[in-house]
Amino acid sequence: MTALWGPWPEVQDTCTSLGLMLLNVLFMGLARVVTRQQLNRPTVHAFILEFLATFQLCFCTHELQLLSEQEPLHPTWPLTLIYFFSLVHGLTLVGTSSNPCGVMMQIMLGGMSAETGALRLLAQVIGALCSRHCISALWNLGLTKYHVSERSFACRNPIQVDLPKAVVIEAVCSFIFHSALLHFQEVRTKLRIHLLSALITFLVYAGGSLTGAVFNPALALSLHFKCFDEDFLQFFIVYWLAPSLGILLMILMFSFFLPWLHNNYTINKKE
């Protein structure tokens, strides 16, 4: 009988973490509904929606990272959770990017003004930092055995390769993801979300053990804030400059070497 009940504490802790993530998604969804109904100023509306989206993404990723570091119930369990919550974010965060690289891409392609982009970037940074403080306070409650306060104050360096390789990995991940994001726009919404979720899962599987495969500067700031404090230059280069470099290379390639794809995007955006 003891052997049968042995795994249950781990299962309960996992269910608690999943429940917290789903509650966060629910509360952020309710906040978005209230924002759309009560606020009529476009700038404030865009700022709050971007803040809520980034907060949701970072909060859930903190818990996902925590679960992935534990003994999994099955080898594919962490990847399944990544795919599932990528679907959840894709369905609930429509109209926001939650990623400074996405804002940068839209500005460079002429889909967003520099002023609006700066406002969204500010919302993303604030959302990322607020989610970190919120998750630290939550872990201090000790709702599961994985929630320990010391974890939130420690730098857990995810970079397992030398700096040039880490830069290449993050740049390539950013290049691939945002290329797909840009050119999947013709695909039906439901199918597009599944394709992007599968791509995110694949990139995390391929590069997660090397750099974490974050390719999102705001998310990296939230996940590894303490590491930025201890080794700012390395983390700034890997998690901020490298994904931005991937975006820049993507824009240059599609604009100058494959212009027909860029023109196709421009035509679709006008339509």
Protein backbone atom coordinates (compact mmCIF):
# COMPACT_ATOMS: atom_id res chain seq x y z
CA MET A 1 0.00 0.00 0.00
CA THR A 2 2.85 2.38 0.80
CA ALA A 3 4.41 1.70 -2.58
CA LEU A 4 1.14 2.59 -4.29
CA TRP A 5 0.83 5.91 -2.45
CA GLY A 6 4.54 6.75 -2.74
CA PRO A 7 4.35 8.89 -5.93
CA TRP A 8 1.29 10.84 -4.81
CA PRO A 9 3.14 13.74 -3.07
CA GLU A 10 5.03 14.45 -6.32
CA VAL A 11 1.81 14.22 -8.31
CA GLN A 12 0.07 16.60 -5.91
CA ASP A 13 2.94 19.09 -6.16
CA THR A 14 2.82 18.92 -9.95
CA CYS A 15 -0.95 19.43 -9.96
CA THR A 16 -0.53 22.41 -7.63
CA SER A 17 1.97 24.02 -9.99
CA LEU A 18 -0.28 23.35 -12.99
CA GLY A 19 -3.23 24.79 -11.08
CA LEU A 20 -1.28 27.95 -10.28
CA MET A 21 -0.38 28.41 -13.94
CA LEU A 22 -3.96 27.92 -15.09
CA LEU A 23 -5.23 30.33 -12.41
CA ASN A 24 -2.72 32.89 -13.62
CA VAL A 25 -3.98 32.46 -17.20
CA LEU A 26 -7.57 32.84 -15.97
CA PHE A 27 -6.87 36.01 -13.94
CA MET A 28 -4.87 37.58 -16.76
CA GLY A 29 -7.74 36.76 -19.13
CA LEU A 30 -10.25 38.45 -16.83
CA ALA A 31 -7.96 41.47 -16.54
CA ARG A 32 -7.77 41.70 -20.35
CA VAL A 33 -11.57 41.59 -20.60
CA VAL A 34 -11.91 44.40 -18.04
CA THR A 35 -9.22 46.41 -19.83
CA ARG A 36 -10.97 46.13 -23.18
CA GLN A 37 -14.31 47.13 -21.68
CA GLN A 38 -13.18 49.99 -19.45
CA LEU A 39 -10.29 51.65 -21.28
CA ASN A 40 -10.79 53.59 -24.49
CA ARG A 41 -7.38 55.24 -24.81
CA PRO A 42 -5.40 53.16 -27.38
CA THR A 43 -1.98 53.83 -25.86
CA VAL A 44 -2.96 52.88 -22.31
CA HIS A 45 -4.96 49.92 -23.65
CA ALA A 46 -1.95 48.61 -25.62
CA PHE A 47 0.40 49.14 -22.67
CA ILE A 48 -1.76 47.20 -20.20
CA LEU A 49 -2.45 44.33 -22.62
CA GLU A 50 1.27 43.95 -23.33
CA PHE A 51 2.03 44.08 -19.61
CA LEU A 52 -0.56 41.38 -18.84
CA ALA A 53 0.63 39.16 -21.69
CA THR A 54 4.28 39.36 -20.63
CA PHE A 55 3.34 38.77 -17.00
CA GLN A 56 1.37 35.64 -17.96
CA LEU A 57 4.15 34.25 -20.16
CA CYS A 58 6.90 34.83 -17.59
CA PHE A 59 4.87 33.54 -14.63
CA CYS A 60 4.01 30.28 -16.39
CA THR A 61 7.57 29.82 -17.66
CA HIS A 62 8.95 30.16 -14.12
CA GLU A 63 6.71 27.30 -13.01
CA LEU A 64 7.44 25.25 -16.14
CA GLN A 65 11.16 25.63 -15.58
CA LEU A 66 10.70 24.52 -11.99
CA LEU A 67 8.76 21.42 -13.04
CA SER A 68 11.23 20.52 -15.80
CA GLU A 69 14.08 20.39 -13.27
CA GLN A 70 12.31 17.78 -11.15
CA GLU A 71 12.20 14.04 -11.75
CA PRO A 72 9.67 13.80 -14.62
CA LEU A 73 6.82 11.31 -14.53
CA HIS A 74 7.74 10.51 -18.13
CA PRO A 75 10.69 11.68 -20.30
CA THR A 76 8.33 13.58 -22.63
CA TRP A 77 6.35 15.21 -19.81
CA PRO A 78 8.26 18.56 -19.79
CA LEU A 79 7.97 18.87 -23.58
CA THR A 80 4.25 18.06 -23.38
CA LEU A 81 3.77 20.88 -20.87
CA ILE A 82 5.75 23.29 -23.06
CA TYR A 83 3.58 22.41 -26.06
CA PHE A 84 0.35 22.70 -24.08
CA PHE A 85 1.14 26.08 -22.53
CA SER A 86 2.46 27.38 -25.86
CA LEU A 87 -1.00 26.58 -27.20
CA VAL A 88 -2.62 28.32 -24.24
CA HIS A 89 -0.50 31.44 -24.76
CA GLY A 90 -1.13 31.39 -28.50
CA LEU A 91 -4.88 31.27 -27.95
CA THR A 92 -5.08 33.84 -25.15
CA LEU A 93 -2.39 36.39 -26.05
CA VAL A 94 -3.64 37.34 -29.51
CA GLY A 95 -2.64 40.87 -30.48
CA THR A 96 0.40 41.03 -28.20
CA SER A 97 3.97 39.85 -28.71
CA SER A 98 5.33 39.46 -25.14
CA ASN A 99 8.74 39.58 -26.79
CA PRO A 100 10.92 42.64 -27.53
CA CYS A 101 12.17 40.88 -30.66
CA GLY A 102 8.61 40.71 -31.99
CA VAL A 103 8.19 44.45 -31.41
CA MET A 104 11.50 45.10 -33.11
CA MET A 105 10.44 43.02 -36.10
CA GLN A 106 7.18 44.94 -36.48
CA ILE A 107 8.97 48.30 -36.26
CA MET A 108 11.53 47.29 -38.89
CA LEU A 109 8.80 46.03 -41.22
CA GLY A 110 6.81 49.22 -40.83
CA GLY A 111 3.93 47.61 -38.98
CA MET A 112 4.37 49.70 -35.82
CA SER A 113 5.59 53.21 -35.01
CA ALA A 114 8.71 53.71 -32.92
CA GLU A 115 6.68 55.43 -30.17
CA THR A 116 4.23 52.54 -29.89
CA GLY A 117 7.12 50.09 -29.95
CA ALA A 118 8.91 51.88 -27.11
CA LEU A 119 5.71 51.84 -25.05
CA ARG A 120 5.28 48.10 -25.60
CA LEU A 121 8.91 47.44 -24.74
CA LEU A 122 8.47 49.30 -21.46
CA ALA A 123 5.33 47.28 -20.69
CA GLN A 124 7.21 44.04 -21.39
CA VAL A 125 10.12 44.90 -19.10
CA ILE A 126 7.78 45.93 -16.28
CA GLY A 127 5.66 42.79 -16.78
CA ALA A 128 8.75 40.57 -16.72
CA LEU A 129 10.08 42.10 -13.50
CA CYS A 130 6.66 42.09 -11.80
CA SER A 131 6.17 38.41 -12.63
CA ARG A 132 9.53 37.63 -11.04
CA HIS A 133 8.61 39.42 -7.82
CA CYS A 134 5.19 37.77 -7.80
CA ILE A 135 6.62 34.28 -8.31
CA SER A 136 9.19 34.92 -5.54
CA ALA A 137 6.43 35.86 -3.12
CA LEU A 138 4.44 32.80 -4.17
CA TRP A 139 7.38 30.45 -3.66
CA ASN A 140 7.91 31.89 -0.19
CA LEU A 141 4.51 30.43 0.75
CA GLY A 142 5.90 26.92 0.22
CA LEU A 143 2.77 25.53 -1.45
CA THR A 144 4.83 22.62 -2.81
CA LYS A 145 8.15 21.12 -1.82
CA TYR A 146 9.64 22.64 -4.99
CA HIS A 147 8.70 26.18 -3.90
CA VAL A 148 11.68 27.38 -1.88
CA SER A 149 12.55 31.02 -1.35
CA GLU A 150 16.29 30.44 -1.86
CA ARG A 151 15.66 29.48 -5.48
CA SER A 152 14.39 32.93 -6.45
CA PHE A 153 17.54 34.63 -5.14
CA ALA A 154 20.09 32.29 -6.74
CA CYS A 155 21.65 32.53 -10.19
CA ARG A 156 21.09 29.23 -11.98
CA ASN A 157 23.23 29.72 -15.06
CA PRO A 158 21.61 27.93 -18.03
CA ILE A 159 24.53 28.57 -20.41
CA GLN A 160 26.37 25.27 -20.83
CA VAL A 161 28.51 26.22 -23.85
CA ASP A 162 31.05 28.92 -24.58
CA LEU A 163 29.91 32.42 -25.48
CA PRO A 164 30.14 32.24 -29.32
CA LYS A 165 28.10 29.01 -29.45
CA ALA A 166 25.53 30.43 -27.04
CA VAL A 167 25.14 33.53 -29.22
CA VAL A 168 24.67 31.41 -32.34
CA ILE A 169 22.08 29.16 -30.65
CA GLU A 170 19.94 32.06 -29.39
CA ALA A 171 20.27 33.95 -32.69
CA VAL A 172 19.29 30.89 -34.74
CA CYS A 173 16.32 30.11 -32.48
CA SER A 174 15.11 33.71 -32.78
CA PHE A 175 15.65 33.65 -36.55
CA ILE A 176 13.70 30.42 -37.03
CA PHE A 177 10.81 31.29 -34.72
CA HIS A 178 10.20 34.79 -36.03
CA SER A 179 10.58 33.65 -39.64
CA ALA A 180 7.82 31.12 -39.00
CA LEU A 181 5.76 33.72 -37.14
CA LEU A 182 6.04 36.07 -40.08
CA HIS A 183 5.30 33.60 -42.85
CA PHE A 184 2.65 31.46 -41.14
CA GLN A 185 0.23 34.38 -41.26
CA GLU A 186 -1.56 32.92 -44.29
CA VAL A 187 -2.23 29.68 -42.42
CA ARG A 188 -5.57 29.25 -40.64
CA THR A 189 -5.42 30.52 -37.05
CA LYS A 190 -6.02 27.21 -35.29
CA LEU A 191 -3.45 25.38 -37.41
CA ARG A 192 -0.95 28.25 -37.12
CA ILE A 193 -1.06 28.14 -33.32
CA HIS A 194 -0.38 24.38 -33.34
CA LEU A 195 2.50 24.79 -35.79
CA LEU A 196 4.12 27.56 -33.74
CA SER A 197 3.66 25.59 -30.50
CA ALA A 198 5.30 22.56 -32.08
CA LEU A 199 8.16 24.75 -33.31
CA ILE A 200 8.69 26.26 -29.85
CA THR A 201 8.73 22.76 -28.34
CA PHE A 202 11.28 21.60 -30.92
CA LEU A 203 13.55 24.60 -30.34
CA VAL A 204 13.44 24.09 -26.57
CA TYR A 205 14.21 20.40 -27.08
CA ALA A 206 17.13 21.19 -29.38
CA GLY A 207 18.69 24.08 -27.50
CA GLY A 208 17.24 23.92 -24.01
CA SER A 209 20.13 21.97 -22.53
CA LEU A 210 22.66 24.40 -24.03
CA THR A 211 21.30 27.90 -23.36
CA GLY A 212 17.69 27.33 -22.33
CA ALA A 213 16.53 28.33 -25.84
CA VAL A 214 14.78 31.43 -24.52
CA PHE A 215 15.03 33.76 -27.59
CA ASN A 216 12.98 36.34 -25.69
CA PRO A 217 14.90 39.16 -23.92
CA ALA A 218 12.04 40.02 -21.54
CA LEU A 219 11.55 36.39 -20.54
CA ALA A 220 15.30 35.95 -20.05
CA LEU A 221 15.36 39.02 -17.79
CA SER A 222 12.59 37.55 -15.65
CA LEU A 223 14.04 34.03 -15.49
CA HIS A 224 17.69 34.99 -14.95
CA PHE A 225 17.55 38.42 -13.32
CA LYS A 226 20.08 37.45 -10.67
CA CYS A 227 22.46 36.19 -13.35
CA PHE A 228 22.17 39.51 -15.18
CA ASP A 229 23.18 41.17 -11.94
CA GLU A 230 26.21 38.91 -11.46
CA ASP A 231 27.44 38.64 -15.07
CA PHE A 232 25.60 41.34 -16.98
CA LEU A 233 27.76 41.45 -20.11
CA GLN A 234 27.56 37.73 -20.91
CA PHE A 235 23.82 37.50 -20.34
CA PHE A 236 23.16 40.76 -22.19
CA ILE A 237 25.05 39.46 -25.23
CA VAL A 238 23.43 36.00 -25.21
CA TYR A 239 19.85 36.85 -24.29
CA TRP A 240 19.43 40.39 -25.61
CA LEU A 241 21.86 41.00 -28.46
CA ALA A 242 21.80 37.49 -29.97
CA PRO A 243 17.99 37.26 -30.46
CA SER A 244 18.00 40.82 -31.84
CA LEU A 245 20.77 39.82 -34.23
CA GLY A 246 18.61 36.90 -35.36
CA ILE A 247 15.76 39.32 -36.12
CA LEU A 248 18.07 41.67 -38.02
CA LEU A 249 19.49 38.82 -40.13
CA MET A 250 15.98 37.57 -40.87
CA ILE A 251 14.83 41.01 -42.07
CA LEU A 252 17.93 41.46 -44.21
CA MET A 253 17.67 38.01 -45.75
CA PHE A 254 14.00 38.24 -46.64
CA SER A 255 14.31 41.86 -47.83
CA PHE A 256 17.42 41.52 -50.00
CA PHE A 257 18.08 37.84 -50.73
CA LEU A 258 14.51 36.52 -50.81
CA PRO A 259 12.55 39.68 -51.65
CA TRP A 260 9.57 37.78 -53.04
CA LEU A 261 8.78 36.50 -49.55
CA HIS A 262 9.05 40.00 -48.10
CA ASN A 263 6.83 41.41 -50.84
CA ASN A 264 4.31 38.64 -50.21
CA TYR A 265 4.16 39.64 -46.53
CA THR A 266 3.70 43.31 -47.45
CA ILE A 267 0.83 42.52 -49.83
CA ASN A 268 -0.91 40.34 -47.23
CA LYS A 269 -0.54 43.06 -44.56
CA LYS A 270 -2.18 45.63 -46.85
CA GLU A 271 -5.03 43.27 -47.65
